[in-house]
């Protein structure tokens, strides 16, 4: 286990099921000796579904708050989420920065056929950690995700929060209803 750096890091995996997010998250967590939070590993045993009645955002909000508390304690964490929208990624980055932590995105993007094959194999090998995904669901996921642009990946500063929100912390509290409102700007 490595010593904790002066500034902890919040890692965030981005990508679709089967793209390699969890593999990367496991490697980072082991290498850095940090907490890894993965919604599917909770959703599957608790609800046997990836998002029953919108509960995924409830669980993710709690996980983000746990990660925030870990960052404030001086340790790092990794959110193995997928995080399909730039707004979600900006909000998580803002929360990390409000804690004085660094933020690092891990983007997993592979050939679509290989991704679907891996997702299916994971379902066969470890159904307690994931969900069976139909071809129609794969199609809808592929259409829904907005992978980070080069501009988003290289941005030194956060953009303003969406219209109607004081800051990214307020946006995050609305998106993840169990996350307390966290002031992310002065």
N, C-alpha and C. Protein backbone atom coordinates (compact mmCIF):
# COMPACT_ATOMS: atom_id res chain seq x y z
N UNK A 1 0.85 -1.18 0.00
CA UNK A 1 0.00 0.00 0.00
C UNK A 1 0.89 1.23 0.00
N UNK A 2 0.54 2.18 -0.84
CA UNK A 2 1.32 3.42 -0.93
C UNK A 2 0.91 4.39 0.16
N UNK A 3 1.85 5.28 0.51
CA UNK A 3 1.52 6.33 1.48
C UNK A 3 0.54 7.30 0.84
N UNK A 4 -0.30 7.88 1.66
CA UNK A 4 -1.28 8.84 1.14
C UNK A 4 -0.57 10.12 0.72
N UNK A 5 -0.86 10.61 -0.48
CA UNK A 5 -0.23 11.85 -0.94
C UNK A 5 -0.76 13.04 -0.13
N UNK A 6 -0.06 14.16 -0.27
CA UNK A 6 -0.50 15.37 0.44
C UNK A 6 -1.92 15.73 0.03
N UNK A 7 -2.24 15.56 -1.25
CA UNK A 7 -3.61 15.78 -1.73
C UNK A 7 -4.14 14.45 -2.23
N UNK A 8 -5.22 13.97 -1.66
CA UNK A 8 -5.78 12.71 -2.16
C UNK A 8 -6.35 12.88 -3.56
N UNK A 9 -6.60 11.76 -4.22
CA UNK A 9 -7.16 11.77 -5.56
C UNK A 9 -8.50 11.06 -5.56
N UNK A 10 -9.46 11.66 -6.27
CA UNK A 10 -10.72 10.98 -6.55
C UNK A 10 -10.66 10.55 -8.01
N UNK A 11 -10.70 9.25 -8.22
CA UNK A 11 -10.73 8.68 -9.56
C UNK A 11 -12.19 8.42 -9.92
N UNK A 12 -12.50 8.58 -11.19
CA UNK A 12 -13.84 8.29 -11.70
C UNK A 12 -13.72 7.51 -12.99
N UNK A 13 -14.34 6.32 -13.02
CA UNK A 13 -14.34 5.56 -14.27
C UNK A 13 -15.52 6.00 -15.11
N UNK A 14 -15.29 6.05 -16.42
CA UNK A 14 -16.31 6.49 -17.38
C UNK A 14 -16.36 5.46 -18.50
N UNK A 15 -17.56 4.99 -18.82
CA UNK A 15 -17.71 4.06 -19.92
C UNK A 15 -18.92 3.17 -19.75
N UNK A 16 -19.17 2.36 -20.75
CA UNK A 16 -20.31 1.46 -20.76
C UNK A 16 -19.97 0.11 -20.12
N UNK A 17 -20.99 -0.68 -19.79
CA UNK A 17 -20.73 -2.01 -19.22
C UNK A 17 -19.87 -2.85 -20.17
N UNK A 18 -18.86 -3.51 -19.60
CA UNK A 18 -18.00 -4.37 -20.38
C UNK A 18 -16.80 -3.68 -21.00
N UNK A 19 -16.68 -2.37 -20.83
CA UNK A 19 -15.58 -1.63 -21.45
C UNK A 19 -14.27 -1.72 -20.68
N UNK A 20 -14.31 -2.20 -19.43
CA UNK A 20 -13.09 -2.34 -18.64
C UNK A 20 -12.99 -1.42 -17.45
N UNK A 21 -14.09 -0.75 -17.09
CA UNK A 21 -14.06 0.19 -15.96
C UNK A 21 -13.70 -0.50 -14.65
N UNK A 22 -14.38 -1.59 -14.36
CA UNK A 22 -14.16 -2.26 -13.08
C UNK A 22 -12.77 -2.86 -13.00
N UNK A 23 -12.27 -3.42 -14.10
CA UNK A 23 -10.91 -3.95 -14.12
C UNK A 23 -9.92 -2.84 -13.78
N UNK A 24 -10.08 -1.68 -14.41
CA UNK A 24 -9.20 -0.54 -14.13
C UNK A 24 -9.36 -0.08 -12.68
N UNK A 25 -10.61 -0.02 -12.20
CA UNK A 25 -10.86 0.44 -10.83
C UNK A 25 -10.22 -0.50 -9.81
N UNK A 26 -10.33 -1.80 -10.04
CA UNK A 26 -9.71 -2.78 -9.14
C UNK A 26 -8.19 -2.60 -9.10
N UNK A 27 -7.59 -2.39 -10.26
CA UNK A 27 -6.14 -2.19 -10.33
C UNK A 27 -5.71 -0.93 -9.59
N UNK A 28 -6.44 0.16 -9.80
CA UNK A 28 -6.10 1.42 -9.14
C UNK A 28 -6.28 1.30 -7.63
N UNK A 29 -7.40 0.72 -7.20
CA UNK A 29 -7.66 0.57 -5.76
C UNK A 29 -6.57 -0.26 -5.08
N UNK A 30 -6.15 -1.34 -5.74
CA UNK A 30 -5.09 -2.18 -5.16
C UNK A 30 -3.75 -1.44 -5.13
N UNK A 31 -3.42 -0.78 -6.23
CA UNK A 31 -2.14 -0.07 -6.33
C UNK A 31 -2.06 1.08 -5.33
N UNK A 32 -3.15 1.84 -5.21
CA UNK A 32 -3.16 3.03 -4.35
C UNK A 32 -3.58 2.75 -2.91
N UNK A 33 -4.16 1.58 -2.67
CA UNK A 33 -4.66 1.27 -1.33
C UNK A 33 -5.83 2.16 -0.95
N UNK A 34 -6.77 2.35 -1.90
CA UNK A 34 -7.89 3.26 -1.67
C UNK A 34 -9.22 2.53 -1.79
N UNK A 35 -10.25 3.20 -1.33
CA UNK A 35 -11.61 2.68 -1.36
C UNK A 35 -12.16 2.71 -2.78
N UNK A 36 -12.80 1.62 -3.19
CA UNK A 36 -13.47 1.53 -4.49
C UNK A 36 -14.96 1.38 -4.24
N UNK A 37 -15.75 2.23 -4.88
CA UNK A 37 -17.21 2.19 -4.74
C UNK A 37 -17.82 1.90 -6.10
N UNK A 38 -18.55 0.78 -6.20
CA UNK A 38 -19.11 0.29 -7.45
C UNK A 38 -20.60 0.01 -7.26
N UNK A 39 -21.50 0.81 -7.83
CA UNK A 39 -22.94 0.62 -7.62
C UNK A 39 -23.46 -0.77 -7.98
N UNK A 40 -23.02 -1.34 -9.10
CA UNK A 40 -23.56 -2.65 -9.50
C UNK A 40 -23.34 -3.71 -8.43
N UNK A 41 -22.22 -3.64 -7.73
CA UNK A 41 -21.95 -4.64 -6.70
C UNK A 41 -22.87 -4.50 -5.50
N UNK A 42 -23.57 -3.40 -5.41
CA UNK A 42 -24.59 -3.21 -4.37
C UNK A 42 -25.98 -3.44 -4.94
N UNK A 43 -26.22 -2.92 -6.14
CA UNK A 43 -27.55 -3.02 -6.75
C UNK A 43 -27.95 -4.48 -7.00
N UNK A 44 -27.02 -5.29 -7.49
CA UNK A 44 -27.33 -6.67 -7.82
C UNK A 44 -27.80 -7.46 -6.60
N UNK A 45 -27.04 -7.50 -5.50
CA UNK A 45 -27.51 -8.29 -4.36
C UNK A 45 -28.71 -7.68 -3.63
N UNK A 46 -28.81 -6.35 -3.63
CA UNK A 46 -29.92 -5.72 -2.90
C UNK A 46 -31.23 -5.73 -3.67
N UNK A 47 -31.18 -5.48 -4.98
CA UNK A 47 -32.40 -5.26 -5.75
C UNK A 47 -32.57 -6.17 -6.96
N UNK A 48 -31.50 -6.92 -7.32
CA UNK A 48 -31.54 -7.82 -8.49
C UNK A 48 -31.91 -7.08 -9.78
N UNK A 49 -31.54 -5.82 -9.85
CA UNK A 49 -31.82 -5.00 -11.01
C UNK A 49 -30.84 -3.83 -11.00
N UNK A 50 -30.52 -3.29 -12.17
CA UNK A 50 -29.54 -2.20 -12.22
C UNK A 50 -30.11 -0.85 -11.82
N UNK A 51 -31.43 -0.67 -11.85
CA UNK A 51 -32.00 0.62 -11.45
C UNK A 51 -33.49 0.48 -11.11
N UNK A 52 -33.82 -0.28 -10.07
CA UNK A 52 -35.23 -0.43 -9.72
C UNK A 52 -35.81 0.87 -9.17
N UNK A 53 -36.81 1.38 -9.85
CA UNK A 53 -37.53 2.57 -9.39
C UNK A 53 -36.60 3.75 -9.11
N UNK A 54 -35.56 3.92 -9.88
CA UNK A 54 -34.66 5.07 -9.71
C UNK A 54 -33.75 4.98 -8.51
N UNK A 55 -33.58 3.81 -7.94
CA UNK A 55 -32.74 3.68 -6.74
C UNK A 55 -31.25 3.84 -7.03
N UNK A 56 -30.84 3.68 -8.25
CA UNK A 56 -29.41 3.80 -8.56
C UNK A 56 -28.90 5.20 -8.20
N UNK A 57 -29.64 6.23 -8.54
CA UNK A 57 -29.18 7.59 -8.22
C UNK A 57 -29.14 7.80 -6.71
N UNK A 58 -30.02 7.14 -5.99
CA UNK A 58 -30.02 7.23 -4.52
C UNK A 58 -28.73 6.61 -3.98
N UNK A 59 -28.40 5.41 -4.47
CA UNK A 59 -27.19 4.73 -4.03
C UNK A 59 -25.94 5.50 -4.45
N UNK A 60 -25.91 5.98 -5.68
CA UNK A 60 -24.74 6.74 -6.15
C UNK A 60 -24.53 7.99 -5.30
N UNK A 61 -25.60 8.66 -4.91
CA UNK A 61 -25.47 9.84 -4.05
C UNK A 61 -24.81 9.51 -2.73
N UNK A 62 -25.20 8.39 -2.14
CA UNK A 62 -24.57 7.97 -0.88
C UNK A 62 -23.10 7.65 -1.10
N UNK A 63 -22.80 6.98 -2.24
CA UNK A 63 -21.41 6.62 -2.52
C UNK A 63 -20.55 7.86 -2.76
N UNK A 64 -21.08 8.84 -3.44
CA UNK A 64 -20.34 10.08 -3.65
C UNK A 64 -20.07 10.76 -2.31
N UNK A 65 -21.05 10.74 -1.42
CA UNK A 65 -20.84 11.35 -0.11
C UNK A 65 -19.80 10.57 0.70
N UNK A 66 -19.82 9.25 0.62
CA UNK A 66 -18.79 8.46 1.30
C UNK A 66 -17.42 8.81 0.73
N UNK A 67 -17.31 8.88 -0.60
CA UNK A 67 -16.04 9.25 -1.22
C UNK A 67 -15.59 10.63 -0.76
N UNK A 68 -16.53 11.57 -0.66
CA UNK A 68 -16.22 12.93 -0.19
C UNK A 68 -15.64 12.87 1.23
N UNK A 69 -16.25 12.09 2.10
CA UNK A 69 -15.76 11.96 3.48
C UNK A 69 -14.37 11.32 3.52
N UNK A 70 -14.15 10.34 2.65
CA UNK A 70 -12.83 9.70 2.57
C UNK A 70 -11.79 10.73 2.12
N UNK A 71 -12.12 11.52 1.11
CA UNK A 71 -11.20 12.56 0.64
C UNK A 71 -10.86 13.54 1.76
N UNK A 72 -11.88 13.95 2.50
CA UNK A 72 -11.66 14.90 3.60
C UNK A 72 -10.78 14.30 4.70
N UNK A 73 -10.77 12.97 4.80
CA UNK A 73 -9.93 12.31 5.81
C UNK A 73 -8.48 12.20 5.34
N UNK A 74 -8.23 12.54 4.05
CA UNK A 74 -6.88 12.52 3.54
C UNK A 74 -6.55 11.32 2.68
N UNK A 75 -7.50 10.44 2.45
CA UNK A 75 -7.28 9.27 1.60
C UNK A 75 -7.98 9.46 0.27
N UNK A 76 -7.65 8.63 -0.69
CA UNK A 76 -8.26 8.69 -2.00
C UNK A 76 -9.40 7.68 -2.11
N UNK A 77 -10.12 7.78 -3.23
CA UNK A 77 -11.23 6.86 -3.50
C UNK A 77 -11.41 6.76 -5.00
N UNK A 78 -12.10 5.70 -5.41
CA UNK A 78 -12.43 5.56 -6.82
C UNK A 78 -13.91 5.25 -6.95
N UNK A 79 -14.59 6.06 -7.76
CA UNK A 79 -16.00 5.85 -8.07
C UNK A 79 -16.05 5.11 -9.40
N UNK A 80 -16.44 3.85 -9.34
CA UNK A 80 -16.53 2.99 -10.52
C UNK A 80 -17.97 3.06 -11.01
N UNK A 81 -18.32 4.16 -11.67
CA UNK A 81 -19.71 4.50 -11.96
C UNK A 81 -20.14 4.36 -13.41
N UNK A 82 -19.34 4.72 -14.35
CA UNK A 82 -19.78 4.82 -15.73
C UNK A 82 -19.94 6.28 -16.12
N UNK A 83 -20.68 7.00 -15.34
CA UNK A 83 -20.87 8.45 -15.45
C UNK A 83 -20.99 8.92 -16.90
N UNK A 84 -22.16 8.71 -17.49
CA UNK A 84 -22.39 8.89 -18.91
C UNK A 84 -22.56 10.33 -19.36
N UNK A 85 -22.75 11.28 -18.46
CA UNK A 85 -22.98 12.67 -18.89
C UNK A 85 -21.85 13.58 -18.42
N UNK A 86 -21.54 14.60 -19.23
CA UNK A 86 -20.52 15.56 -18.80
C UNK A 86 -20.94 16.29 -17.52
N UNK A 87 -22.23 16.55 -17.38
CA UNK A 87 -22.69 17.26 -16.17
C UNK A 87 -22.35 16.46 -14.91
N UNK A 88 -22.58 15.16 -14.93
CA UNK A 88 -22.24 14.32 -13.78
C UNK A 88 -20.75 14.34 -13.51
N UNK A 89 -19.96 14.29 -14.55
CA UNK A 89 -18.50 14.30 -14.38
C UNK A 89 -18.03 15.65 -13.84
N UNK A 90 -18.57 16.76 -14.36
CA UNK A 90 -18.20 18.08 -13.84
C UNK A 90 -18.57 18.18 -12.36
N UNK A 91 -19.76 17.70 -12.01
CA UNK A 91 -20.21 17.79 -10.61
C UNK A 91 -19.30 16.98 -9.69
N UNK A 92 -18.94 15.78 -10.09
CA UNK A 92 -18.05 14.96 -9.26
C UNK A 92 -16.68 15.60 -9.15
N UNK A 93 -16.19 16.15 -10.24
CA UNK A 93 -14.90 16.86 -10.20
C UNK A 93 -14.99 18.05 -9.24
N UNK A 94 -16.08 18.81 -9.31
CA UNK A 94 -16.25 19.97 -8.43
C UNK A 94 -16.25 19.55 -6.97
N UNK A 95 -16.89 18.44 -6.66
CA UNK A 95 -16.92 17.95 -5.27
C UNK A 95 -15.51 17.56 -4.82
N UNK A 96 -14.77 16.87 -5.69
CA UNK A 96 -13.39 16.50 -5.35
C UNK A 96 -12.56 17.75 -5.07
N UNK A 97 -12.66 18.73 -5.97
CA UNK A 97 -11.88 19.95 -5.80
C UNK A 97 -12.29 20.73 -4.56
N UNK A 98 -13.59 20.71 -4.22
CA UNK A 98 -14.06 21.38 -3.00
C UNK A 98 -13.46 20.73 -1.75
N UNK A 99 -13.07 19.47 -1.86
CA UNK A 99 -12.42 18.76 -0.75
C UNK A 99 -10.91 18.94 -0.75
N UNK A 100 -10.40 19.69 -1.73
CA UNK A 100 -8.96 19.89 -1.84
C UNK A 100 -8.26 18.71 -2.50
N UNK A 101 -9.01 17.86 -3.17
CA UNK A 101 -8.45 16.66 -3.80
C UNK A 101 -8.21 16.87 -5.28
N UNK A 102 -7.37 16.03 -5.83
CA UNK A 102 -7.18 15.97 -7.27
C UNK A 102 -8.31 15.12 -7.84
N UNK A 103 -8.54 15.26 -9.14
CA UNK A 103 -9.58 14.48 -9.84
C UNK A 103 -8.95 13.86 -11.07
N UNK A 104 -9.21 12.57 -11.26
CA UNK A 104 -8.68 11.90 -12.45
C UNK A 104 -9.76 10.99 -13.04
N UNK A 105 -10.04 11.21 -14.31
CA UNK A 105 -11.00 10.38 -15.05
C UNK A 105 -10.27 9.24 -15.71
N UNK A 106 -10.87 8.05 -15.64
CA UNK A 106 -10.37 6.88 -16.35
C UNK A 106 -11.45 6.54 -17.36
N UNK A 107 -11.18 6.74 -18.63
CA UNK A 107 -12.17 6.50 -19.68
C UNK A 107 -11.91 5.14 -20.32
N UNK A 108 -12.94 4.29 -20.29
CA UNK A 108 -12.87 2.96 -20.90
C UNK A 108 -13.77 2.96 -22.14
N UNK A 109 -13.14 2.86 -23.28
CA UNK A 109 -13.88 2.88 -24.55
C UNK A 109 -13.21 1.88 -25.48
N UNK A 110 -13.91 0.81 -25.80
CA UNK A 110 -13.34 -0.22 -26.66
C UNK A 110 -14.30 -0.53 -27.80
N UNK A 111 -13.88 -1.41 -28.69
CA UNK A 111 -14.72 -1.85 -29.80
C UNK A 111 -16.07 -2.33 -29.27
N UNK A 112 -17.15 -1.91 -29.94
CA UNK A 112 -18.51 -2.21 -29.46
C UNK A 112 -18.79 -3.71 -29.37
N UNK A 113 -18.38 -4.48 -30.36
CA UNK A 113 -18.60 -5.93 -30.32
C UNK A 113 -17.88 -6.57 -29.16
N UNK A 114 -16.64 -6.17 -28.94
CA UNK A 114 -15.85 -6.70 -27.82
C UNK A 114 -16.47 -6.29 -26.48
N UNK A 115 -16.96 -5.07 -26.39
CA UNK A 115 -17.59 -4.60 -25.14
C UNK A 115 -18.81 -5.47 -24.82
N UNK A 116 -19.65 -5.71 -25.80
CA UNK A 116 -20.84 -6.53 -25.58
C UNK A 116 -20.46 -7.95 -25.20
N UNK A 117 -19.43 -8.47 -25.83
CA UNK A 117 -18.97 -9.83 -25.51
C UNK A 117 -18.49 -9.90 -24.06
N UNK A 118 -17.71 -8.92 -23.65
CA UNK A 118 -17.21 -8.89 -22.26
C UNK A 118 -18.35 -8.76 -21.25
N UNK A 119 -19.32 -7.91 -21.56
CA UNK A 119 -20.46 -7.74 -20.64
C UNK A 119 -21.20 -9.07 -20.48
N UNK A 120 -21.37 -9.79 -21.58
CA UNK A 120 -22.05 -11.09 -21.52
C UNK A 120 -21.23 -12.10 -20.73
N UNK A 121 -19.92 -12.15 -20.97
CA UNK A 121 -19.06 -13.08 -20.23
C UNK A 121 -19.05 -12.76 -18.74
N UNK A 122 -19.07 -11.49 -18.39
CA UNK A 122 -19.10 -11.12 -16.97
C UNK A 122 -20.41 -11.60 -16.34
N UNK A 123 -21.50 -11.46 -17.06
CA UNK A 123 -22.79 -11.94 -16.56
C UNK A 123 -22.73 -13.44 -16.30
N UNK A 124 -22.14 -14.19 -17.22
CA UNK A 124 -22.04 -15.64 -17.06
C UNK A 124 -21.13 -16.03 -15.90
N UNK A 125 -20.01 -15.30 -15.74
CA UNK A 125 -19.01 -15.64 -14.72
C UNK A 125 -19.37 -15.15 -13.33
N UNK A 126 -20.01 -14.00 -13.22
CA UNK A 126 -20.27 -13.40 -11.89
C UNK A 126 -21.60 -12.66 -11.89
N UNK A 127 -22.72 -13.37 -12.05
CA UNK A 127 -24.02 -12.68 -12.13
C UNK A 127 -24.38 -11.90 -10.88
N UNK A 128 -23.74 -12.20 -9.76
CA UNK A 128 -24.04 -11.47 -8.53
C UNK A 128 -23.45 -10.06 -8.52
N UNK A 129 -22.61 -9.75 -9.50
CA UNK A 129 -21.97 -8.43 -9.54
C UNK A 129 -22.44 -7.58 -10.71
N UNK A 130 -23.33 -8.11 -11.52
CA UNK A 130 -23.72 -7.38 -12.73
C UNK A 130 -25.13 -7.79 -13.14
N UNK A 131 -25.52 -7.40 -14.34
CA UNK A 131 -26.87 -7.66 -14.83
C UNK A 131 -26.81 -8.16 -16.26
N UNK A 132 -27.77 -8.99 -16.60
CA UNK A 132 -27.88 -9.42 -17.98
C UNK A 132 -28.39 -8.24 -18.80
N UNK A 133 -27.77 -8.02 -19.95
CA UNK A 133 -28.11 -6.86 -20.78
C UNK A 133 -28.57 -7.36 -22.14
N UNK A 134 -29.76 -6.93 -22.54
CA UNK A 134 -30.29 -7.31 -23.85
C UNK A 134 -29.61 -6.49 -24.94
N UNK A 135 -29.73 -6.95 -26.19
CA UNK A 135 -29.17 -6.18 -27.31
C UNK A 135 -29.82 -4.80 -27.39
N UNK A 136 -31.12 -4.73 -27.14
CA UNK A 136 -31.81 -3.43 -27.17
C UNK A 136 -31.27 -2.50 -26.09
N UNK A 137 -30.99 -3.04 -24.89
CA UNK A 137 -30.42 -2.22 -23.82
C UNK A 137 -29.01 -1.75 -24.20
N UNK A 138 -28.21 -2.66 -24.76
CA UNK A 138 -26.88 -2.26 -25.23
C UNK A 138 -27.00 -1.10 -26.22
N UNK A 139 -27.95 -1.21 -27.16
CA UNK A 139 -28.14 -0.15 -28.14
C UNK A 139 -28.51 1.17 -27.47
N UNK A 140 -29.43 1.11 -26.51
CA UNK A 140 -29.86 2.34 -25.84
C UNK A 140 -28.73 2.93 -25.00
N UNK A 141 -27.92 2.09 -24.37
CA UNK A 141 -26.78 2.59 -23.59
C UNK A 141 -25.79 3.30 -24.51
N UNK A 142 -25.47 2.66 -25.64
CA UNK A 142 -24.53 3.24 -26.60
C UNK A 142 -25.04 4.61 -27.08
N UNK A 143 -26.36 4.71 -27.30
CA UNK A 143 -26.93 5.98 -27.77
C UNK A 143 -26.97 7.04 -26.67
N UNK A 144 -27.03 6.61 -25.42
CA UNK A 144 -27.19 7.55 -24.30
C UNK A 144 -25.88 8.14 -23.79
N UNK A 145 -24.80 7.39 -23.87
CA UNK A 145 -23.55 7.87 -23.28
C UNK A 145 -22.96 9.02 -24.10
N UNK A 146 -22.41 9.99 -23.38
CA UNK A 146 -21.65 11.07 -23.99
C UNK A 146 -20.25 11.00 -23.40
N UNK A 147 -19.38 10.30 -24.10
CA UNK A 147 -18.01 10.16 -23.61
C UNK A 147 -17.33 11.52 -23.54
N UNK A 148 -16.36 11.67 -22.65
CA UNK A 148 -15.67 12.95 -22.53
C UNK A 148 -14.97 13.36 -23.82
N UNK A 149 -15.13 14.61 -24.17
CA UNK A 149 -14.41 15.16 -25.31
C UNK A 149 -12.98 15.46 -24.87
N UNK A 150 -12.12 15.70 -25.84
CA UNK A 150 -10.75 16.08 -25.54
C UNK A 150 -10.74 17.38 -24.73
N UNK A 151 -11.64 18.29 -25.08
CA UNK A 151 -11.74 19.56 -24.34
C UNK A 151 -12.10 19.31 -22.87
N UNK A 152 -13.06 18.41 -22.62
CA UNK A 152 -13.44 18.10 -21.23
C UNK A 152 -12.27 17.47 -20.48
N UNK A 153 -11.58 16.56 -21.12
CA UNK A 153 -10.45 15.87 -20.46
C UNK A 153 -9.32 16.82 -20.11
N UNK A 154 -9.11 17.84 -20.95
CA UNK A 154 -7.98 18.75 -20.74
C UNK A 154 -8.33 20.01 -19.96
N UNK A 155 -9.59 20.21 -19.66
CA UNK A 155 -10.03 21.45 -19.00
C UNK A 155 -9.31 21.66 -17.67
N UNK A 156 -8.76 22.85 -17.52
CA UNK A 156 -8.09 23.21 -16.27
C UNK A 156 -9.09 23.76 -15.25
N UNK A 157 -10.15 24.35 -15.76
CA UNK A 157 -11.16 24.94 -14.87
C UNK A 157 -12.53 24.34 -15.18
N UNK A 158 -13.36 24.35 -14.17
CA UNK A 158 -14.73 23.88 -14.34
C UNK A 158 -15.56 24.91 -15.10
N UNK A 159 -16.45 24.46 -15.94
CA UNK A 159 -17.38 25.41 -16.55
C UNK A 159 -18.41 25.85 -15.51
N UNK A 160 -19.17 26.89 -15.79
CA UNK A 160 -20.24 27.26 -14.86
C UNK A 160 -21.27 26.13 -14.77
N UNK A 161 -21.91 26.05 -13.62
CA UNK A 161 -22.99 25.07 -13.44
C UNK A 161 -24.13 25.39 -14.41
N UNK A 162 -24.94 24.40 -14.74
CA UNK A 162 -26.08 24.67 -15.63
C UNK A 162 -26.99 25.78 -15.09
N UNK A 163 -27.66 26.43 -15.99
CA UNK A 163 -28.58 27.51 -15.63
C UNK A 163 -29.57 27.05 -14.57
N UNK A 164 -29.81 27.90 -13.60
CA UNK A 164 -30.75 27.59 -12.53
C UNK A 164 -30.11 26.98 -11.30
N UNK A 165 -28.79 26.73 -11.35
CA UNK A 165 -28.09 26.14 -10.21
C UNK A 165 -26.99 27.09 -9.74
N UNK A 166 -26.88 27.26 -8.45
CA UNK A 166 -25.87 28.15 -7.85
C UNK A 166 -24.46 27.66 -8.20
N UNK A 167 -24.26 26.34 -8.13
CA UNK A 167 -22.96 25.75 -8.41
C UNK A 167 -23.14 24.26 -8.70
N UNK A 168 -22.03 23.57 -8.96
CA UNK A 168 -22.10 22.15 -9.29
C UNK A 168 -22.57 21.30 -8.11
N UNK A 169 -22.29 21.75 -6.89
CA UNK A 169 -22.76 21.02 -5.71
C UNK A 169 -24.28 20.99 -5.64
N UNK A 170 -24.91 22.12 -5.96
CA UNK A 170 -26.38 22.17 -5.97
C UNK A 170 -26.93 21.28 -7.10
N UNK A 171 -26.29 21.30 -8.26
CA UNK A 171 -26.71 20.42 -9.36
C UNK A 171 -26.60 18.96 -8.92
N UNK A 172 -25.49 18.60 -8.27
CA UNK A 172 -25.26 17.23 -7.83
C UNK A 172 -26.33 16.79 -6.82
N UNK A 173 -26.67 17.66 -5.88
CA UNK A 173 -27.69 17.31 -4.88
C UNK A 173 -29.05 17.07 -5.52
N UNK A 174 -29.34 17.74 -6.62
CA UNK A 174 -30.60 17.52 -7.33
C UNK A 174 -30.54 16.21 -8.12
N UNK A 175 -29.40 15.94 -8.74
CA UNK A 175 -29.24 14.73 -9.57
C UNK A 175 -29.16 13.47 -8.72
N UNK A 176 -28.44 13.53 -7.61
CA UNK A 176 -28.29 12.40 -6.69
C UNK A 176 -28.98 12.81 -5.39
N UNK A 177 -30.26 12.48 -5.22
CA UNK A 177 -31.08 13.04 -4.13
C UNK A 177 -30.60 12.74 -2.71
N UNK A 178 -29.75 11.75 -2.52
CA UNK A 178 -29.27 11.47 -1.16
C UNK A 178 -27.94 12.17 -0.87
N UNK A 179 -27.43 12.91 -1.82
CA UNK A 179 -26.19 13.63 -1.62
C UNK A 179 -26.51 15.00 -1.01
N UNK A 180 -25.90 15.32 0.14
CA UNK A 180 -26.16 16.64 0.69
C UNK A 180 -25.64 17.73 -0.24
N UNK A 181 -26.24 18.89 -0.21
CA UNK A 181 -25.77 20.00 -1.01
C UNK A 181 -24.40 20.42 -0.49
N UNK A 182 -23.44 20.43 -1.39
CA UNK A 182 -22.07 20.74 -1.04
C UNK A 182 -21.68 22.00 -1.79
N UNK A 183 -21.23 22.99 -1.08
CA UNK A 183 -20.83 24.25 -1.73
C UNK A 183 -19.55 23.99 -2.53
N UNK A 184 -19.60 24.17 -3.83
CA UNK A 184 -18.43 23.89 -4.67
C UNK A 184 -17.82 25.14 -5.28
N UNK A 185 -18.32 26.31 -4.93
CA UNK A 185 -17.72 27.56 -5.41
C UNK A 185 -17.74 28.58 -4.29
N UNK A 186 -16.85 29.56 -4.43
CA UNK A 186 -16.75 30.60 -3.40
C UNK A 186 -17.93 31.53 -3.41
